[in-house]
Amino acid sequence: MLWIPPGFAHGFLALTDNVDFLYKCTNYHAPAHERVIRWDDPKLRIEWPLPPGVMPKLSAGDAEAGAFRAAEYLR
């Protein structure tokens, strides 16, 4: 279990085919307020443990995500 503060960026990589991930939220889901950043943004330099040549399966929103530097900053 992880606690992710409201407004904090987060991402997950499942390393097996059979994974259930559930969110416990502090409020109702509000898609209009979601913000996404590229999972492979070169400025973030996250070293995802993917085998060579393997691309992750992304949600539609994650697949269209923009760069971290262009992301809206929430206060």
PDB file of N, CA and C in Angstrom:
ATOM      1  N   MET A   1       0.851  -1.175   0.000  1.00  0.00           N
ATOM      2  CA  MET A   1       0.000   0.000   0.000  1.00  0.00           C
ATOM      3  C   MET A   1       0.890   1.228   0.000  1.00  0.00           C
ATOM      4  N   LEU A   2       0.507   2.198  -0.804  1.00  0.00           N
ATOM      5  CA  LEU A   2       1.229   3.462  -0.871  1.00  0.00           C
ATOM      6  C   LEU A   2       0.277   4.602  -0.558  1.00  0.00           C
ATOM      7  N   TRP A   3       0.785   5.621   0.113  1.00  0.00           N
ATOM      8  CA  TRP A   3       0.018   6.844   0.289  1.00  0.00           C
ATOM      9  C   TRP A   3       0.575   7.859  -0.690  1.00  0.00           C
ATOM     10  N   ILE A   4      -0.281   8.399  -1.534  1.00  0.00           N
ATOM     11  CA  ILE A   4       0.128   9.401  -2.506  1.00  0.00           C
ATOM     12  C   ILE A   4      -0.661  10.665  -2.200  1.00  0.00           C
ATOM     13  N   PRO A   5       0.020  11.734  -1.794  1.00  0.00           N
ATOM     14  CA  PRO A   5      -0.691  12.969  -1.454  1.00  0.00           C
ATOM     15  C   PRO A   5      -1.464  13.524  -2.649  1.00  0.00           C
ATOM     16  N   PRO A   6      -2.575  14.207  -2.390  1.00  0.00           N
ATOM     17  CA  PRO A   6      -3.329  14.823  -3.488  1.00  0.00           C
ATOM     18  C   PRO A   6      -2.430  15.732  -4.327  1.00  0.00           C
ATOM     19  N   GLY A   7      -2.548  15.612  -5.651  1.00  0.00           N
ATOM     20  CA  GLY A   7      -1.764  16.433  -6.558  1.00  0.00           C
ATOM     21  C   GLY A   7      -0.361  15.938  -6.823  1.00  0.00           C
ATOM     22  N   PHE A   8       0.030  14.825  -6.222  1.00  0.00           N
ATOM     23  CA  PHE A   8       1.382  14.293  -6.372  1.00  0.00           C
ATOM     24  C   PHE A   8       1.431  13.346  -7.568  1.00  0.00           C
ATOM     25  N   ALA A   9       2.400  13.535  -8.452  1.00  0.00           N
ATOM     26  CA  ALA A   9       2.540  12.656  -9.614  1.00  0.00           C
ATOM     27  C   ALA A   9       2.941  11.252  -9.157  1.00  0.00           C
ATOM     28  N   HIS A  10       2.420  10.262  -9.852  1.00  0.00           N
ATOM     29  CA  HIS A  10       2.757   8.881  -9.510  1.00  0.00           C
ATOM     30  C   HIS A  10       2.573   7.995 -10.738  1.00  0.00           C
ATOM     31  N   GLY A  11       3.292   6.900 -10.756  1.00  0.00           N
ATOM     32  CA  GLY A  11       3.183   5.945 -11.851  1.00  0.00           C
ATOM     33  C   GLY A  11       3.550   4.559 -11.373  1.00  0.00           C
ATOM     34  N   PHE A  12       3.032   3.558 -12.046  1.00  0.00           N
ATOM     35  CA  PHE A  12       3.249   2.178 -11.647  1.00  0.00           C
ATOM     36  C   PHE A  12       3.583   1.333 -12.858  1.00  0.00           C
ATOM     37  N   LEU A  13       4.404   0.324 -12.646  1.00  0.00           N
ATOM     38  CA  LEU A  13       4.736  -0.645 -13.686  1.00  0.00           C
ATOM     39  C   LEU A  13       4.498  -2.029 -13.113  1.00  0.00           C
ATOM     40  N   ALA A  14       3.561  -2.775 -13.706  1.00  0.00           N
ATOM     41  CA  ALA A  14       3.312  -4.159 -13.302  1.00  0.00           C
ATOM     42  C   ALA A  14       4.288  -5.054 -14.054  1.00  0.00           C
ATOM     43  N   LEU A  15       4.969  -5.919 -13.338  1.00  0.00           N
ATOM     44  CA  LEU A  15       5.973  -6.787 -13.949  1.00  0.00           C
ATOM     45  C   LEU A  15       5.459  -8.198 -14.196  1.00  0.00           C
ATOM     46  N   THR A  16       4.165  -8.430 -13.956  1.00  0.00           N
ATOM     47  CA  THR A  16       3.544  -9.716 -14.254  1.00  0.00           C
ATOM     48  C   THR A  16       2.265  -9.460 -15.043  1.00  0.00           C
ATOM     49  N   ASP A  17       1.690 -10.499 -15.627  1.00  0.00           N
ATOM     50  CA  ASP A  17       0.476 -10.351 -16.416  1.00  0.00           C
ATOM     51  C   ASP A  17      -0.791 -10.280 -15.568  1.00  0.00           C
ATOM     52  N   ASN A  18      -0.732 -10.715 -14.322  1.00  0.00           N
ATOM     53  CA  ASN A  18      -1.916 -10.795 -13.481  1.00  0.00           C
ATOM     54  C   ASN A  18      -1.766  -9.840 -12.303  1.00  0.00           C
ATOM     55  N   VAL A  19      -2.252  -8.616 -12.476  1.00  0.00           N
ATOM     56  CA  VAL A  19      -2.105  -7.593 -11.447  1.00  0.00           C
ATOM     57  C   VAL A  19      -3.438  -6.896 -11.233  1.00  0.00           C
ATOM     58  N   ASP A  20      -3.800  -6.708  -9.981  1.00  0.00           N
ATOM     59  CA  ASP A  20      -4.947  -5.879  -9.614  1.00  0.00           C
ATOM     60  C   ASP A  20      -4.399  -4.689  -8.848  1.00  0.00           C
ATOM     61  N   PHE A  21      -4.774  -3.499  -9.278  1.00  0.00           N
ATOM     62  CA  PHE A  21      -4.347  -2.292  -8.576  1.00  0.00           C
ATOM     63  C   PHE A  21      -5.595  -1.490  -8.260  1.00  0.00           C
ATOM     64  N   LEU A  22      -5.800  -1.188  -6.998  1.00  0.00           N
ATOM     65  CA  LEU A  22      -6.982  -0.463  -6.559  1.00  0.00           C
ATOM     66  C   LEU A  22      -6.561   0.839  -5.898  1.00  0.00           C
ATOM     67  N   TYR A  23      -7.293   1.891  -6.179  1.00  0.00           N
ATOM     68  CA  TYR A  23      -7.053   3.178  -5.537  1.00  0.00           C
ATOM     69  C   TYR A  23      -8.017   3.358  -4.373  1.00  0.00           C
ATOM     70  N   LYS A  24      -7.522   3.875  -3.283  1.00  0.00           N
ATOM     71  CA  LYS A  24      -8.381   4.349  -2.198  1.00  0.00           C
ATOM     72  C   LYS A  24      -8.193   5.860  -2.191  1.00  0.00           C
ATOM     73  N   CYS A  25      -9.264   6.581  -2.485  1.00  0.00           N
ATOM     74  CA  CYS A  25      -9.163   8.021  -2.701  1.00  0.00           C
ATOM     75  C   CYS A  25      -9.759   8.812  -1.552  1.00  0.00           C
ATOM     76  N   THR A  26      -9.351  10.074  -1.461  1.00  0.00           N
ATOM     77  CA  THR A  26      -9.878  10.966  -0.432  1.00  0.00           C
ATOM     78  C   THR A  26     -11.135  11.686  -0.886  1.00  0.00           C
ATOM     79  N   ASN A  27     -11.492  11.520  -2.178  1.00  0.00           N
ATOM     80  CA  ASN A  27     -12.675  12.172  -2.707  1.00  0.00           C
ATOM     81  C   ASN A  27     -13.135  11.400  -3.945  1.00  0.00           C
ATOM     82  N   TYR A  28     -14.255  11.802  -4.523  1.00  0.00           N
ATOM     83  CA  TYR A  28     -14.760  11.145  -5.725  1.00  0.00           C
ATOM     84  C   TYR A  28     -13.814  11.383  -6.900  1.00  0.00           C
ATOM     85  N   HIS A  29     -13.771  10.416  -7.808  1.00  0.00           N
ATOM     86  CA  HIS A  29     -12.938  10.541  -9.002  1.00  0.00           C
ATOM     87  C   HIS A  29     -13.463  11.676  -9.867  1.00  0.00           C
ATOM     88  N   ALA A  30     -12.573  12.572 -10.274  1.00  0.00           N
ATOM     89  CA  ALA A  30     -12.951  13.722 -11.097  1.00  0.00           C
ATOM     90  C   ALA A  30     -12.048  13.770 -12.324  1.00  0.00           C
ATOM     91  N   PRO A  31     -12.392  13.034 -13.384  1.00  0.00           N
ATOM     92  CA  PRO A  31     -11.533  12.972 -14.571  1.00  0.00           C
ATOM     93  C   PRO A  31     -11.167  14.341 -15.140  1.00  0.00           C
ATOM     94  N   ALA A  32     -12.035  15.321 -14.999  1.00  0.00           N
ATOM     95  CA  ALA A  32     -11.741  16.658 -15.534  1.00  0.00           C
ATOM     96  C   ALA A  32     -10.537  17.297 -14.840  1.00  0.00           C
ATOM     97  N   HIS A  33     -10.189  16.793 -13.670  1.00  0.00           N
ATOM     98  CA  HIS A  33      -9.065  17.360 -12.919  1.00  0.00           C
ATOM     99  C   HIS A  33      -7.792  16.524 -13.019  1.00  0.00           C
ATOM    100  N   GLU A  34      -7.840  15.445 -13.789  1.00  0.00           N
ATOM    101  CA  GLU A  34      -6.648  14.614 -13.950  1.00  0.00           C
ATOM    102  C   GLU A  34      -5.611  15.329 -14.811  1.00  0.00           C
ATOM    103  N   ARG A  35      -4.353  15.121 -14.487  1.00  0.00           N
ATOM    104  CA  ARG A  35      -3.246  15.620 -15.289  1.00  0.00           C
ATOM    105  C   ARG A  35      -2.292  14.447 -15.491  1.00  0.00           C
ATOM    106  N   VAL A  36      -1.694  14.342 -16.665  1.00  0.00           N
ATOM    107  CA  VAL A  36      -0.769  13.242 -16.941  1.00  0.00           C
ATOM    108  C   VAL A  36       0.532  13.783 -17.517  1.00  0.00           C
ATOM    109  N   ILE A  37       1.606  13.069 -17.249  1.00  0.00           N
ATOM    110  CA  ILE A  37       2.904  13.381 -17.838  1.00  0.00           C
ATOM    111  C   ILE A  37       3.458  12.109 -18.468  1.00  0.00           C
ATOM    112  N   ARG A  38       4.299  12.282 -19.459  1.00  0.00           N
ATOM    113  CA  ARG A  38       4.863  11.132 -20.179  1.00  0.00           C
ATOM    114  C   ARG A  38       5.602  10.212 -19.222  1.00  0.00           C
ATOM    115  N   TRP A  39       5.359   8.937 -19.355  1.00  0.00           N
ATOM    116  CA  TRP A  39       6.015   7.936 -18.512  1.00  0.00           C
ATOM    117  C   TRP A  39       7.511   7.881 -18.794  1.00  0.00           C
ATOM    118  N   ASP A  40       7.911   8.221 -20.026  1.00  0.00           N
ATOM    119  CA  ASP A  40       9.325   8.119 -20.413  1.00  0.00           C
ATOM    120  C   ASP A  40       9.953   9.490 -20.679  1.00  0.00           C
ATOM    121  N   ASP A  41       9.448  10.509 -19.991  1.00  0.00           N
ATOM    122  CA  ASP A  41       9.970  11.856 -20.189  1.00  0.00           C
ATOM    123  C   ASP A  41      11.471  11.879 -19.912  1.00  0.00           C
ATOM    124  N   PRO A  42      12.290  12.318 -20.866  1.00  0.00           N
ATOM    125  CA  PRO A  42      13.743  12.281 -20.683  1.00  0.00           C
ATOM    126  C   PRO A  42      14.238  13.187 -19.555  1.00  0.00           C
ATOM    127  N   LYS A  43      13.482  14.222 -19.206  1.00  0.00           N
ATOM    128  CA  LYS A  43      13.899  15.107 -18.105  1.00  0.00           C
ATOM    129  C   LYS A  43      13.772  14.407 -16.747  1.00  0.00           C
ATOM    130  N   LEU A  44      12.817  13.479 -16.626  1.00  0.00           N
ATOM    131  CA  LEU A  44      12.628  12.780 -15.353  1.00  0.00           C
ATOM    132  C   LEU A  44      13.641  11.652 -15.159  1.00  0.00           C
ATOM    133  N   ARG A  45      14.110  11.074 -16.259  1.00  0.00           N
ATOM    134  CA  ARG A  45      15.141  10.038 -16.229  1.00  0.00           C
ATOM    135  C   ARG A  45      14.784   8.852 -15.323  1.00  0.00           C
ATOM    136  N   ILE A  46      13.535   8.396 -15.406  1.00  0.00           N
ATOM    137  CA  ILE A  46      13.116   7.220 -14.633  1.00  0.00           C
ATOM    138  C   ILE A  46      13.601   5.973 -15.354  1.00  0.00           C
ATOM    139  N   GLU A  47      14.279   5.111 -14.659  1.00  0.00           N
ATOM    140  CA  GLU A  47      14.790   3.869 -15.245  1.00  0.00           C
ATOM    141  C   GLU A  47      13.791   2.742 -14.983  1.00  0.00           C
ATOM    142  N   TRP A  48      12.792   2.633 -15.862  1.00  0.00           N
ATOM    143  CA  TRP A  48      11.793   1.578 -15.737  1.00  0.00           C
ATOM    144  C   TRP A  48      12.454   0.241 -16.063  1.00  0.00           C
ATOM    145  N   PRO A  49      12.193  -0.797 -15.278  1.00  0.00           N
ATOM    146  CA  PRO A  49      12.832  -2.105 -15.522  1.00  0.00           C
ATOM    147  C   PRO A  49      12.141  -2.914 -16.621  1.00  0.00           C
ATOM    148  N   LEU A  50      12.158  -2.387 -17.825  1.00  0.00           N
ATOM    149  CA  LEU A  50      11.554  -3.073 -18.967  1.00  0.00           C
ATOM    150  C   LEU A  50      12.624  -3.833 -19.734  1.00  0.00           C
ATOM    151  N   PRO A  51      12.308  -5.050 -20.199  1.00  0.00           N
ATOM    152  CA  PRO A  51      13.255  -5.771 -21.051  1.00  0.00           C
ATOM    153  C   PRO A  51      13.518  -4.972 -22.334  1.00  0.00           C
ATOM    154  N   PRO A  52      14.698  -5.105 -22.926  1.00  0.00           N
ATOM    155  CA  PRO A  52      15.004  -4.379 -24.158  1.00  0.00           C
ATOM    156  C   PRO A  52      13.958  -4.626 -25.244  1.00  0.00           C
ATOM    157  N   GLY A  53      13.504  -3.540 -25.873  1.00  0.00           N
ATOM    158  CA  GLY A  53      12.542  -3.640 -26.960  1.00  0.00           C
ATOM    159  C   GLY A  53      11.097  -3.784 -26.541  1.00  0.00           C
ATOM    160  N   VAL A  54      10.819  -3.850 -25.238  1.00  0.00           N
ATOM    161  CA  VAL A  54       9.444  -4.018 -24.751  1.00  0.00           C
ATOM    162  C   VAL A  54       8.864  -2.655 -24.388  1.00  0.00           C
ATOM    163  N   MET A  55       7.679  -2.366 -24.920  1.00  0.00           N
ATOM    164  CA  MET A  55       6.965  -1.136 -24.592  1.00  0.00           C
ATOM    165  C   MET A  55       5.833  -1.474 -23.629  1.00  0.00           C
ATOM    166  N   PRO A  56       5.572  -0.639 -22.642  1.00  0.00           N
ATOM    167  CA  PRO A  56       4.480  -0.926 -21.707  1.00  0.00           C
ATOM    168  C   PRO A  56       3.118  -0.701 -22.357  1.00  0.00           C
ATOM    169  N   LYS A  57       2.096  -1.363 -21.821  1.00  0.00           N
ATOM    170  CA  LYS A  57       0.719  -1.113 -22.236  1.00  0.00           C
ATOM    171  C   LYS A  57       0.255   0.113 -21.460  1.00  0.00           C
ATOM    172  N   LEU A  58      -0.172   1.142 -22.175  1.00  0.00           N
ATOM    173  CA  LEU A  58      -0.569   2.393 -21.549  1.00  0.00           C
ATOM    174  C   LEU A  58      -2.058   2.646 -21.732  1.00  0.00           C
ATOM    175  N   SER A  59      -2.646   3.354 -20.792  1.00  0.00           N
ATOM    176  CA  SER A  59      -4.025   3.810 -20.972  1.00  0.00           C
ATOM    177  C   SER A  59      -4.032   4.849 -22.083  1.00  0.00           C
ATOM    178  N   ALA A  60      -5.197   5.154 -22.608  1.00  0.00           N
ATOM    179  CA  ALA A  60      -5.304   6.155 -23.670  1.00  0.00           C
ATOM    180  C   ALA A  60      -4.769   7.507 -23.196  1.00  0.00           C
ATOM    181  N   GLY A  61      -5.105   7.879 -21.981  1.00  0.00           N
ATOM    182  CA  GLY A  61      -4.629   9.154 -21.442  1.00  0.00           C
ATOM    183  C   GLY A  61      -3.123   9.195 -21.275  1.00  0.00           C
ATOM    184  N   ASP A  62      -2.554   8.103 -20.775  1.00  0.00           N
ATOM    185  CA  ASP A  62      -1.104   8.047 -20.607  1.00  0.00           C
ATOM    186  C   ASP A  62      -0.383   8.039 -21.944  1.00  0.00           C
ATOM    187  N   ALA A  63      -0.976   7.406 -22.946  1.00  0.00           N
ATOM    188  CA  ALA A  63      -0.358   7.352 -24.266  1.00  0.00           C
ATOM    189  C   ALA A  63      -0.292   8.733 -24.912  1.00  0.00           C
ATOM    190  N   GLU A  64      -1.194   9.638 -24.536  1.00  0.00           N
ATOM    191  CA  GLU A  64      -1.234  10.978 -25.115  1.00  0.00           C
ATOM    192  C   GLU A  64      -0.628  12.036 -24.201  1.00  0.00           C
ATOM    193  N   ALA A  65       0.011  11.631 -23.124  1.00  0.00           N
ATOM    194  CA  ALA A  65       0.541  12.565 -22.128  1.00  0.00           C
ATOM    195  C   ALA A  65       1.653  13.438 -22.701  1.00  0.00           C
ATOM    196  N   GLY A  66       1.739  14.643 -22.177  1.00  0.00           N
ATOM    197  CA  GLY A  66       2.760  15.594 -22.606  1.00  0.00           C
ATOM    198  C   GLY A  66       3.983  15.558 -21.704  1.00  0.00           C
ATOM    199  N   ALA A  67       4.902  16.438 -21.982  1.00  0.00           N
ATOM    200  CA  ALA A  67       6.159  16.519 -21.248  1.00  0.00           C
ATOM    201  C   ALA A  67       5.954  17.075 -19.841  1.00  0.00           C
ATOM    202  N   PHE A  68       6.823  16.695 -18.937  1.00  0.00           N
ATOM    203  CA  PHE A  68       6.774  17.170 -17.552  1.00  0.00           C
ATOM    204  C   PHE A  68       6.881  18.695 -17.495  1.00  0.00           C
ATOM    205  N   ARG A  69       7.791  19.256 -18.250  1.00  0.00           N
ATOM    206  CA  ARG A  69       8.010  20.715 -18.229  1.00  0.00           C
ATOM    207  C   ARG A  69       6.785  21.488 -18.714  1.00  0.00           C
ATOM    208  N   ALA A  70       5.932  20.862 -19.509  1.00  0.00           N
ATOM    209  CA  ALA A  70       4.733  21.531 -20.016  1.00  0.00           C
ATOM    210  C   ALA A  70       3.513  21.283 -19.130  1.00  0.00           C
ATOM    211  N   ALA A  71       3.679  20.469 -18.092  1.00  0.00           N
ATOM    212  CA  ALA A  71       2.546  20.111 -17.236  1.00  0.00           C
ATOM    213  C   ALA A  71       2.059  21.307 -16.421  1.00  0.00           C
ATOM    214  N   GLU A  72       0.761  21.323 -16.175  1.00  0.00           N
ATOM    215  CA  GLU A  72       0.170  22.372 -15.341  1.00  0.00           C
ATOM    216  C   GLU A  72       0.657  22.182 -13.909  1.00  0.00           C
ATOM    217  N   TYR A  73       1.054  23.253 -13.290  1.00  0.00           N
ATOM    218  CA  TYR A  73       1.527  23.218 -11.901  1.00  0.00           C
ATOM    219  C   TYR A  73       0.367  23.524 -10.983  1.00  0.00           C
ATOM    220  N   LEU A  74       0.060  22.619 -10.063  1.00  0.00           N
ATOM    221  CA  LEU A  74      -1.048  22.793  -9.132  1.00  0.00           C
ATOM    222  C   LEU A  74      -0.503  23.182  -7.765  1.00  0.00           C
ATOM    223  N   ARG A  75      -1.119  24.137  -7.159  1.00  0.00           N
ATOM    224  CA  ARG A  75      -0.686  24.577  -5.808  1.00  0.00           C
ATOM    225  C   ARG A  75      -1.678  24.146  -4.769  1.00  0.00           C
TER     226      ARG A  75
END
